[in-house]
N, C-alpha and C. Protein backbone atom coordinates (compact mmCIF):
# COMPACT_ATOMS: atom_id res chain seq x y z
N MET A 1 25.03 -49.22 46.70
CA MET A 1 24.95 -48.65 45.59
C MET A 1 25.85 -47.88 44.63
N LYS A 2 26.31 -48.20 43.63
CA LYS A 2 27.48 -47.46 42.98
C LYS A 2 27.18 -46.50 42.68
N LYS A 3 28.02 -45.39 42.68
CA LYS A 3 27.94 -43.91 42.10
C LYS A 3 27.04 -43.74 40.69
N ASN A 4 27.79 -44.91 39.71
CA ASN A 4 27.61 -44.53 38.63
C ASN A 4 27.08 -45.85 38.28
N ASN A 5 26.01 -46.31 38.70
CA ASN A 5 25.17 -47.37 38.72
C ASN A 5 24.12 -47.00 37.27
N PRO A 6 24.14 -47.31 36.14
CA PRO A 6 23.16 -46.93 34.97
C PRO A 6 21.57 -47.05 35.70
N VAL A 7 21.16 -47.67 36.82
CA VAL A 7 20.04 -47.81 36.90
C VAL A 7 19.49 -46.22 37.21
N VAL A 8 20.47 -46.31 38.15
CA VAL A 8 20.24 -44.83 39.18
C VAL A 8 20.46 -43.65 38.06
N GLN A 9 21.29 -43.65 37.54
CA GLN A 9 21.50 -42.60 36.14
C GLN A 9 20.25 -42.86 35.72
N LEU A 10 19.50 -43.81 34.98
CA LEU A 10 18.75 -43.20 34.43
C LEU A 10 17.00 -43.02 35.11
N LEU A 11 17.29 -43.04 36.20
CA LEU A 11 15.84 -42.52 37.13
C LEU A 11 16.37 -41.44 37.53
N LYS A 12 17.65 -40.30 37.48
CA LYS A 12 18.28 -39.46 37.51
C LYS A 12 17.53 -38.52 36.59
N ASN A 13 17.64 -39.71 35.33
CA ASN A 13 16.87 -38.65 34.33
C ASN A 13 16.08 -39.04 33.30
N LEU A 14 15.03 -39.38 34.09
CA LEU A 14 13.92 -40.44 33.60
C LEU A 14 13.30 -39.26 32.48
N ASP A 15 13.00 -38.03 33.11
CA ASP A 15 12.42 -36.97 32.39
C ASP A 15 13.34 -36.50 30.98
N LEU A 16 14.12 -36.68 31.08
CA LEU A 16 15.13 -36.62 29.96
C LEU A 16 14.84 -37.45 28.64
N VAL A 17 14.70 -38.99 29.65
CA VAL A 17 14.78 -40.13 28.60
C VAL A 17 12.89 -39.74 27.81
N VAL A 18 12.24 -39.70 28.87
CA VAL A 18 11.02 -39.88 28.32
C VAL A 18 10.54 -38.39 27.25
N ALA A 19 11.01 -37.45 27.35
CA ALA A 19 11.35 -36.45 26.42
C ALA A 19 12.19 -36.95 25.08
N SER A 20 13.06 -37.19 25.47
CA SER A 20 13.82 -37.46 24.05
C SER A 20 12.91 -38.42 23.09
N LEU A 21 12.17 -39.67 24.07
CA LEU A 21 11.42 -40.75 23.25
C LEU A 21 10.30 -39.74 22.62
N ALA A 22 9.62 -39.22 23.28
CA ALA A 22 8.43 -37.92 22.91
C ALA A 22 9.34 -37.72 21.65
N LEU A 23 10.24 -36.33 21.13
CA LEU A 23 10.40 -35.96 20.10
C LEU A 23 10.31 -36.55 19.12
N VAL A 24 11.96 -38.12 19.72
CA VAL A 24 11.60 -39.45 18.17
C VAL A 24 10.06 -39.75 18.01
N ALA A 25 9.08 -40.05 18.78
CA ALA A 25 7.95 -39.96 18.22
C ALA A 25 7.37 -38.89 17.43
N LEU A 26 7.53 -37.69 18.12
CA LEU A 26 6.96 -36.57 17.46
C LEU A 26 7.26 -36.77 16.02
N VAL A 27 8.94 -36.85 15.54
CA VAL A 27 9.14 -36.46 14.38
C VAL A 27 8.84 -37.68 13.54
N ALA A 28 8.95 -38.93 14.24
CA ALA A 28 8.53 -40.33 13.36
C ALA A 28 7.00 -39.72 13.21
N LEU A 29 5.97 -39.83 14.00
CA LEU A 29 4.91 -39.40 13.65
C LEU A 29 4.18 -38.32 12.33
N THR A 30 5.10 -37.09 12.81
CA THR A 30 4.53 -36.57 11.92
C THR A 30 5.36 -36.72 10.07
N PHE A 31 6.16 -37.17 10.31
CA PHE A 31 6.88 -37.76 9.00
C PHE A 31 6.02 -38.91 8.20
N VAL A 32 5.78 -39.62 8.84
CA VAL A 32 4.57 -40.92 8.66
C VAL A 32 3.40 -40.22 8.20
N GLY A 33 2.91 -38.91 8.87
CA GLY A 33 1.33 -38.44 8.70
C GLY A 33 1.77 -37.71 7.54
N VAL A 34 2.62 -36.95 7.14
CA VAL A 34 2.97 -36.08 5.84
C VAL A 34 2.53 -37.32 4.83
N PHE A 35 3.75 -38.37 4.70
CA PHE A 35 3.25 -39.49 4.00
C PHE A 35 1.98 -39.89 3.90
N ALA A 36 1.60 -40.22 4.76
CA ALA A 36 0.10 -40.72 4.38
C ALA A 36 -0.84 -39.79 4.14
N ARG A 37 -0.48 -38.51 3.94
CA ARG A 37 -1.50 -37.81 3.61
C ARG A 37 -1.39 -37.34 2.52
N TYR A 38 0.12 -37.16 2.07
CA TYR A 38 0.02 -36.69 0.56
C TYR A 38 0.76 -37.05 -0.58
N VAL A 39 0.72 -38.83 -0.01
CA VAL A 39 1.25 -39.75 -0.79
C VAL A 39 0.06 -40.83 -1.44
N PHE A 40 -0.64 -41.20 -0.42
CA PHE A 40 -1.59 -42.24 0.21
C PHE A 40 -2.95 -41.51 0.01
N ASN A 41 -2.81 -40.04 0.25
CA ASN A 41 -4.18 -39.28 0.78
C ASN A 41 -5.42 -40.02 1.43
N ALA A 42 -4.38 -40.78 2.77
CA ALA A 42 -5.12 -41.26 3.68
C ALA A 42 -4.32 -40.80 5.33
N PRO A 43 -4.65 -39.23 5.33
CA PRO A 43 -4.36 -38.96 7.00
C PRO A 43 -4.96 -39.30 7.71
N PHE A 44 -3.92 -39.19 8.98
CA PHE A 44 -4.55 -39.97 9.95
C PHE A 44 -5.51 -38.90 11.20
N ALA A 45 -6.63 -39.44 11.23
CA ALA A 45 -7.67 -38.39 11.77
C ALA A 45 -7.34 -38.21 13.41
N TRP A 46 -6.16 -39.04 13.61
CA TRP A 46 -6.33 -38.97 15.41
C TRP A 46 -5.01 -37.95 15.17
N GLN A 47 -3.63 -37.99 14.02
CA GLN A 47 -2.60 -37.28 14.32
C GLN A 47 -2.40 -35.84 15.57
N GLU A 48 -3.47 -35.19 15.13
CA GLU A 48 -3.05 -34.07 15.93
C GLU A 48 -3.32 -34.25 17.49
N GLU A 49 -3.54 -35.03 17.97
CA GLU A 49 -4.17 -35.42 19.54
C GLU A 49 -2.71 -35.86 19.77
N VAL A 50 -2.36 -36.60 19.74
CA VAL A 50 -1.18 -37.09 19.11
C VAL A 50 0.27 -36.43 19.75
N GLN A 51 0.09 -35.53 18.57
CA GLN A 51 1.05 -34.70 18.30
C GLN A 51 0.61 -33.53 19.37
N LEU A 52 0.10 -33.03 20.18
CA LEU A 52 0.00 -31.85 21.05
C LEU A 52 0.33 -32.77 22.11
N MET A 53 0.23 -33.83 22.30
CA MET A 53 0.82 -34.26 23.72
C MET A 53 1.87 -34.97 23.81
N LEU A 54 2.54 -35.01 22.86
CA LEU A 54 4.50 -34.85 22.64
C LEU A 54 4.41 -33.63 22.73
N ILE A 55 4.07 -32.97 21.94
CA ILE A 55 4.98 -31.58 22.02
C ILE A 55 4.51 -31.29 23.47
N VAL A 56 3.65 -30.99 24.18
CA VAL A 56 3.56 -30.76 25.61
C VAL A 56 4.85 -31.76 26.56
N TRP A 57 5.01 -32.83 25.98
CA TRP A 57 5.97 -33.88 27.08
C TRP A 57 7.14 -33.38 26.52
N VAL A 58 7.27 -32.92 25.48
CA VAL A 58 8.97 -32.67 25.10
C VAL A 58 9.27 -31.19 26.00
N THR A 59 8.49 -30.34 25.62
CA THR A 59 8.57 -28.91 26.10
C THR A 59 8.77 -29.03 28.00
N PHE A 60 8.26 -29.62 28.34
CA PHE A 60 7.92 -29.79 29.75
C PHE A 60 8.75 -30.38 30.25
N LEU A 61 8.75 -31.53 29.95
CA LEU A 61 9.94 -32.62 30.51
C LEU A 61 11.66 -32.33 30.42
N GLY A 62 11.23 -31.33 28.98
CA GLY A 62 12.91 -31.19 28.76
C GLY A 62 13.22 -30.22 29.63
N GLY A 63 12.58 -29.20 30.41
CA GLY A 63 13.00 -28.27 30.92
C GLY A 63 14.13 -28.10 32.21
N ARG A 64 14.11 -29.20 32.62
CA ARG A 64 14.88 -29.20 33.50
C ARG A 64 16.57 -29.65 33.20
N TYR A 65 16.24 -30.60 32.01
CA TYR A 65 17.79 -30.54 31.58
C TYR A 65 18.47 -29.10 30.81
N ALA A 66 17.55 -28.12 30.70
CA ALA A 66 17.94 -27.10 30.37
C ALA A 66 18.42 -26.37 31.58
N PHE A 67 18.24 -26.54 32.69
CA PHE A 67 18.94 -25.70 34.19
C PHE A 67 19.71 -27.04 33.89
N VAL A 68 19.95 -27.88 34.37
CA VAL A 68 21.47 -28.70 34.15
C VAL A 68 22.44 -28.59 33.33
N THR A 69 22.23 -28.21 32.00
CA THR A 69 23.13 -27.28 30.95
C THR A 69 23.63 -26.07 30.83
N GLY A 70 22.34 -25.33 31.82
CA GLY A 70 22.09 -23.95 31.50
C GLY A 70 22.41 -23.24 30.36
N SER A 71 20.79 -23.82 29.84
CA SER A 71 20.22 -23.39 28.55
C SER A 71 19.54 -22.13 28.66
N HIS A 72 18.91 -22.02 29.43
CA HIS A 72 17.72 -20.96 29.77
C HIS A 72 18.42 -19.88 29.63
N CYS A 73 17.57 -19.24 28.84
CA CYS A 73 18.03 -17.28 28.11
C CYS A 73 17.99 -17.11 29.66
N ALA A 74 19.57 -16.35 29.56
CA ALA A 74 19.75 -15.15 31.13
C ALA A 74 20.30 -13.69 30.37
N ILE A 75 19.37 -12.62 30.97
CA ILE A 75 20.30 -11.47 30.72
C ILE A 75 21.13 -11.24 31.74
N ASP A 76 22.06 -11.03 31.94
CA ASP A 76 23.19 -10.67 33.14
C ASP A 76 23.62 -9.47 33.11
N VAL A 77 23.66 -8.74 32.16
CA VAL A 77 24.48 -7.52 31.74
C VAL A 77 24.46 -7.04 33.24
N VAL A 78 23.62 -6.48 34.02
CA VAL A 78 23.82 -6.29 35.07
C VAL A 78 24.39 -6.68 36.45
N VAL A 79 23.88 -7.75 36.46
CA VAL A 79 24.84 -8.99 37.40
C VAL A 79 26.25 -8.94 37.20
N ASP A 80 26.47 -9.03 36.13
CA ASP A 80 28.27 -9.39 35.57
C ASP A 80 28.84 -7.86 35.91
N LEU A 81 28.38 -6.95 36.26
CA LEU A 81 28.52 -5.49 36.50
C LEU A 81 29.59 -5.28 38.18
N PHE A 82 29.12 -6.66 39.06
CA PHE A 82 29.12 -6.56 40.36
C PHE A 82 30.29 -7.73 40.27
N PRO A 83 31.24 -7.44 41.61
CA PRO A 83 32.41 -8.93 41.95
C PRO A 83 31.64 -9.87 41.85
N LYS A 84 32.67 -10.93 41.78
CA LYS A 84 32.04 -12.24 41.98
C LYS A 84 31.59 -12.72 42.91
N LYS A 85 32.08 -12.42 43.96
CA LYS A 85 31.24 -12.47 45.44
C LYS A 85 29.90 -11.92 45.37
N VAL A 86 30.11 -10.50 45.04
CA VAL A 86 28.27 -10.32 45.43
C VAL A 86 27.54 -10.96 44.11
N GLN A 87 27.76 -11.31 43.13
CA GLN A 87 27.30 -11.94 42.28
C GLN A 87 26.61 -13.44 42.84
N ARG A 88 27.34 -13.92 43.71
CA ARG A 88 26.87 -15.38 44.07
C ARG A 88 25.12 -14.92 44.98
N TYR A 89 25.49 -13.69 46.16
CA TYR A 89 24.03 -13.15 46.62
C TYR A 89 23.04 -13.10 45.55
N PHE A 90 23.33 -12.33 44.30
CA PHE A 90 22.59 -12.13 43.03
C PHE A 90 21.53 -13.60 42.91
N ASP A 91 22.59 -14.59 42.68
CA ASP A 91 22.19 -15.73 42.43
C ASP A 91 21.13 -16.27 43.12
N LEU A 92 21.10 -16.38 44.86
CA LEU A 92 20.33 -17.00 45.53
C LEU A 92 18.95 -15.85 45.47
N VAL A 93 19.41 -14.32 45.14
CA VAL A 93 17.82 -13.64 44.58
C VAL A 93 17.20 -14.38 43.66
N ILE A 94 18.03 -14.56 42.63
CA ILE A 94 17.24 -15.06 41.00
C ILE A 94 16.37 -16.63 41.50
N MET A 95 17.15 -16.94 41.95
CA MET A 95 16.51 -18.91 42.53
C MET A 95 15.58 -18.25 43.50
N ALA A 96 15.19 -17.80 43.93
CA ALA A 96 14.33 -17.21 44.57
C ALA A 96 12.86 -16.99 43.83
N ILE A 97 13.29 -16.40 42.92
CA ILE A 97 12.16 -15.67 41.99
C ILE A 97 11.93 -17.02 41.24
N VAL A 98 12.84 -17.14 40.85
CA VAL A 98 12.64 -18.41 39.91
C VAL A 98 11.95 -19.11 40.44
N VAL A 99 12.02 -19.96 41.64
CA VAL A 99 11.28 -21.16 42.49
C VAL A 99 10.19 -20.71 42.58
N THR A 100 9.83 -19.27 43.37
CA THR A 100 8.44 -18.67 43.14
C THR A 100 7.60 -18.67 41.82
N VAL A 101 7.96 -18.17 40.67
CA VAL A 101 7.12 -18.12 39.62
C VAL A 101 7.07 -20.00 39.09
N LEU A 102 7.65 -20.65 39.24
CA LEU A 102 7.77 -22.12 39.08
C LEU A 102 6.51 -22.51 39.83
N SER A 103 6.76 -22.07 40.86
CA SER A 103 5.83 -23.08 42.37
C SER A 103 4.40 -22.57 41.73
N TYR A 104 4.21 -21.19 41.54
CA TYR A 104 3.01 -20.56 40.77
C TYR A 104 2.72 -21.39 39.78
N THR A 105 3.41 -21.30 39.03
CA THR A 105 3.45 -22.16 37.47
C THR A 105 2.55 -23.54 37.75
N GLY A 106 3.54 -24.29 38.68
CA GLY A 106 3.25 -25.91 38.86
C GLY A 106 1.83 -25.54 39.74
N TRP A 107 1.25 -25.22 40.38
CA TRP A 107 0.17 -25.16 41.15
C TRP A 107 -1.24 -24.55 40.27
N GLN A 108 -0.93 -23.54 39.51
CA GLN A 108 -1.67 -23.27 38.60
C GLN A 108 -2.23 -24.77 37.47
N ALA A 109 -1.16 -25.18 37.18
CA ALA A 109 -1.28 -26.71 36.05
C ALA A 109 -1.85 -27.47 36.94
N TYR A 110 -1.68 -27.88 38.50
CA TYR A 110 -2.26 -28.73 38.80
C TYR A 110 -3.86 -28.26 39.14
N LYS A 111 -4.20 -27.09 39.08
CA LYS A 111 -5.70 -26.72 39.43
C LYS A 111 -6.37 -27.06 37.98
N TYR A 112 -5.48 -27.02 36.95
CA TYR A 112 -5.82 -26.71 35.53
C TYR A 112 -5.92 -28.61 35.27
N ILE A 113 -5.49 -29.04 35.36
CA ILE A 113 -5.09 -30.81 35.72
C ILE A 113 -6.22 -31.61 36.30
N MET A 114 -6.52 -31.21 37.93
CA MET A 114 -7.61 -31.39 38.29
C MET A 114 -8.76 -31.26 37.79
N GLN A 115 -9.02 -30.38 37.34
CA GLN A 115 -10.43 -29.51 36.36
C GLN A 115 -10.69 -30.39 35.47
N MET A 116 -9.65 -30.37 34.65
CA MET A 116 -9.46 -31.71 33.25
C MET A 116 -9.85 -33.01 33.82
N TYR A 117 -9.29 -33.33 34.93
CA TYR A 117 -9.83 -34.85 35.65
C TYR A 117 -10.97 -34.81 36.10
N SER A 118 -11.67 -34.23 37.14
CA SER A 118 -12.69 -33.52 37.80
C SER A 118 -14.28 -33.76 36.27
N THR A 119 -13.75 -33.23 35.51
CA THR A 119 -14.64 -33.00 34.37
C THR A 119 -14.31 -34.49 33.37
N ASN A 120 -13.76 -34.99 33.61
CA ASN A 120 -13.63 -36.12 32.73
C ASN A 120 -13.34 -35.55 31.26
N ARG A 121 -12.52 -34.21 30.91
CA ARG A 121 -11.96 -34.53 29.57
C ARG A 121 -11.01 -35.25 29.16
N VAL A 122 -11.49 -35.47 27.79
CA VAL A 122 -10.79 -36.19 26.87
C VAL A 122 -11.12 -35.99 25.31
N THR A 123 -9.68 -36.24 24.64
CA THR A 123 -9.93 -35.85 23.31
C THR A 123 -10.95 -36.58 22.79
N ASN A 124 -11.08 -35.91 21.27
CA ASN A 124 -12.49 -36.17 20.84
C ASN A 124 -12.03 -37.75 19.72
N MET A 125 -11.04 -37.83 19.68
CA MET A 125 -10.92 -39.44 18.49
C MET A 125 -10.39 -40.22 19.66
N LEU A 126 -8.93 -40.21 20.02
CA LEU A 126 -8.29 -41.05 21.21
C LEU A 126 -8.94 -41.64 22.57
N HIS A 127 -9.55 -40.39 22.87
CA HIS A 127 -10.14 -40.54 24.13
C HIS A 127 -8.78 -40.40 25.20
N ILE A 128 -8.28 -39.36 25.25
CA ILE A 128 -6.61 -39.63 25.95
C ILE A 128 -7.27 -38.31 26.97
N PRO A 129 -7.46 -38.93 28.33
CA PRO A 129 -7.59 -37.48 28.91
C PRO A 129 -6.65 -36.67 29.14
N TYR A 130 -7.14 -35.63 28.71
CA TYR A 130 -6.26 -34.08 29.34
C TYR A 130 -5.49 -34.07 30.60
N ALA A 131 -6.12 -34.59 31.37
CA ALA A 131 -5.15 -34.71 32.48
C ALA A 131 -3.59 -34.96 32.57
N LEU A 132 -4.27 -36.46 31.63
CA LEU A 132 -2.69 -36.84 31.31
C LEU A 132 -1.43 -36.18 30.34
N ILE A 133 -2.16 -35.44 29.53
CA ILE A 133 -1.43 -34.46 28.42
C ILE A 133 -0.74 -34.03 28.98
N TYR A 134 -1.16 -33.55 30.32
CA TYR A 134 -0.39 -31.99 31.03
C TYR A 134 0.06 -32.22 31.85
N ALA A 135 -0.72 -33.66 32.52
CA ALA A 135 0.76 -33.96 33.70
C ALA A 135 1.90 -33.61 33.84
N PRO A 136 2.66 -33.82 32.62
CA PRO A 136 3.96 -33.16 32.81
C PRO A 136 4.12 -31.97 33.23
N GLY A 137 3.62 -30.77 32.98
CA GLY A 137 3.67 -29.48 33.71
C GLY A 137 4.13 -29.39 35.11
N VAL A 138 2.91 -30.06 35.66
CA VAL A 138 3.36 -29.90 37.33
C VAL A 138 4.83 -30.86 37.69
N ILE A 139 5.12 -32.07 36.78
CA ILE A 139 6.48 -32.72 37.28
C ILE A 139 7.37 -32.07 36.70
N ALA A 140 7.63 -31.44 35.91
CA ALA A 140 8.54 -30.34 35.38
C ALA A 140 8.83 -29.23 36.21
N CYS A 141 7.93 -28.45 36.78
CA CYS A 141 8.07 -27.09 37.73
C CYS A 141 8.58 -27.99 38.48
N VAL A 142 8.16 -29.02 39.38
CA VAL A 142 8.80 -29.71 40.60
C VAL A 142 10.32 -29.91 40.31
N THR A 143 10.49 -30.83 39.11
CA THR A 143 12.00 -31.17 38.92
C THR A 143 12.68 -29.64 38.15
N MET A 144 12.15 -28.88 38.09
CA MET A 144 12.90 -27.65 37.62
C MET A 144 13.30 -26.86 38.71
N SER A 145 12.33 -26.59 40.01
CA SER A 145 13.01 -26.18 41.16
C SER A 145 13.64 -26.72 41.85
N ILE A 146 13.26 -28.21 42.03
CA ILE A 146 14.80 -29.01 42.34
C ILE A 146 15.81 -28.57 41.85
N GLN A 147 16.05 -29.11 41.03
CA GLN A 147 17.16 -28.77 40.02
C GLN A 147 17.95 -27.71 40.24
N PHE A 148 16.96 -26.38 39.68
CA PHE A 148 17.80 -24.97 40.01
C PHE A 148 18.48 -25.05 41.43
N ILE A 149 17.79 -25.23 42.49
CA ILE A 149 18.14 -24.62 43.67
C ILE A 149 19.50 -25.59 44.26
N LEU A 150 19.25 -27.17 43.24
CA LEU A 150 20.40 -27.46 43.78
C LEU A 150 21.82 -26.99 42.88
N ILE A 151 21.76 -26.42 41.50
CA ILE A 151 22.55 -26.11 40.59
C ILE A 151 23.23 -24.77 41.62
N THR A 152 21.93 -23.74 41.82
CA THR A 152 22.30 -22.39 42.93
C THR A 152 23.24 -22.81 43.83
N MET A 153 22.40 -23.70 44.67
CA MET A 153 23.17 -23.96 46.00
C MET A 153 24.49 -24.46 46.27
N LYS A 154 25.28 -25.42 44.88
CA LYS A 154 26.50 -26.13 44.96
C LYS A 154 27.56 -24.50 44.37
N LYS A 155 26.52 -23.55 43.41
CA LYS A 155 27.44 -22.70 42.82
C LYS A 155 28.11 -21.66 44.11
N PHE A 156 26.79 -21.72 44.94
CA PHE A 156 26.86 -20.54 46.10
C PHE A 156 27.89 -21.05 46.99
N LEU A 157 27.83 -22.33 47.59
CA LEU A 157 28.23 -22.83 48.32
C LEU A 157 29.85 -23.20 48.00
N HIS A 158 30.14 -23.58 46.85
CA HIS A 158 31.55 -24.11 46.38
C HIS A 158 32.11 -23.07 45.58
N GLY A 159 31.36 -22.02 44.73
CA GLY A 159 31.81 -20.92 43.82
C GLY A 159 32.23 -21.98 42.55
N ASP A 160 32.66 -21.02 41.71
CA ASP A 160 32.69 -21.11 40.33
C ASP A 160 34.51 -21.68 40.09
N GLU A 161 34.53 -22.62 39.67
CA GLU A 161 36.06 -23.41 39.39
C GLU A 161 37.42 -21.53 39.10
N SER A 162 36.15 -21.03 37.85
CA SER A 162 36.82 -19.72 38.01
C SER A 162 37.65 -18.98 39.35
N GLU A 163 36.64 -18.50 39.71
CA GLU A 163 36.59 -17.74 40.77
C GLU A 163 37.47 -17.95 41.90
N LYS A 164 37.81 -19.45 41.92
CA LYS A 164 39.10 -20.09 42.74
C LYS A 164 40.83 -19.68 42.53
N LYS A 165 40.73 -19.65 40.85
CA LYS A 165 41.58 -19.19 39.74
C LYS A 165 41.70 -18.22 40.39
N GLU A 166 41.03 -17.24 40.21
CA GLU A 166 41.43 -15.88 40.92
C GLU A 166 41.61 -15.54 42.29
N GLU A 167 41.13 -16.24 42.65
CA GLU A 167 41.22 -15.94 44.48
C GLU A 167 43.21 -16.35 44.43
N ALA A 168 43.56 -17.18 43.68
CA ALA A 168 44.71 -18.34 44.05
C ALA A 168 46.13 -17.27 43.59
């Protein structure tokens, strides 16, 4: 298989594709809902349920991509005081903390989803299972953990390009 195969790239970024589609659907549904409510005086009774699902999906499924682009907030004032070689080891400690927090969060999300599933909790209007609505929480914790480990290990093993230039 080719390295730049579009199918492989789509599968690697499936969470981002789904999050993007959910965001487009959320914006469109909100626009149409406002139009229906204020122009035709005929609001959609089910709109809030779908919006809830789409917001959860956008938030959780877009999280991994924030790790890819380095878009998560970071306060690294203390870490920046140390030399680059020492900072690499701080990255490993930070990785361990982040993965631990994500693992705990993912486990709690899994327990919550299983509770929703076992009690057959569904939304009032559309009867969407709450387990389906919140499932991206577990998926996001797993994918964000994997992505953060990969990025940190690549950075640790290969270093930054700037670090290599400083050594030259």
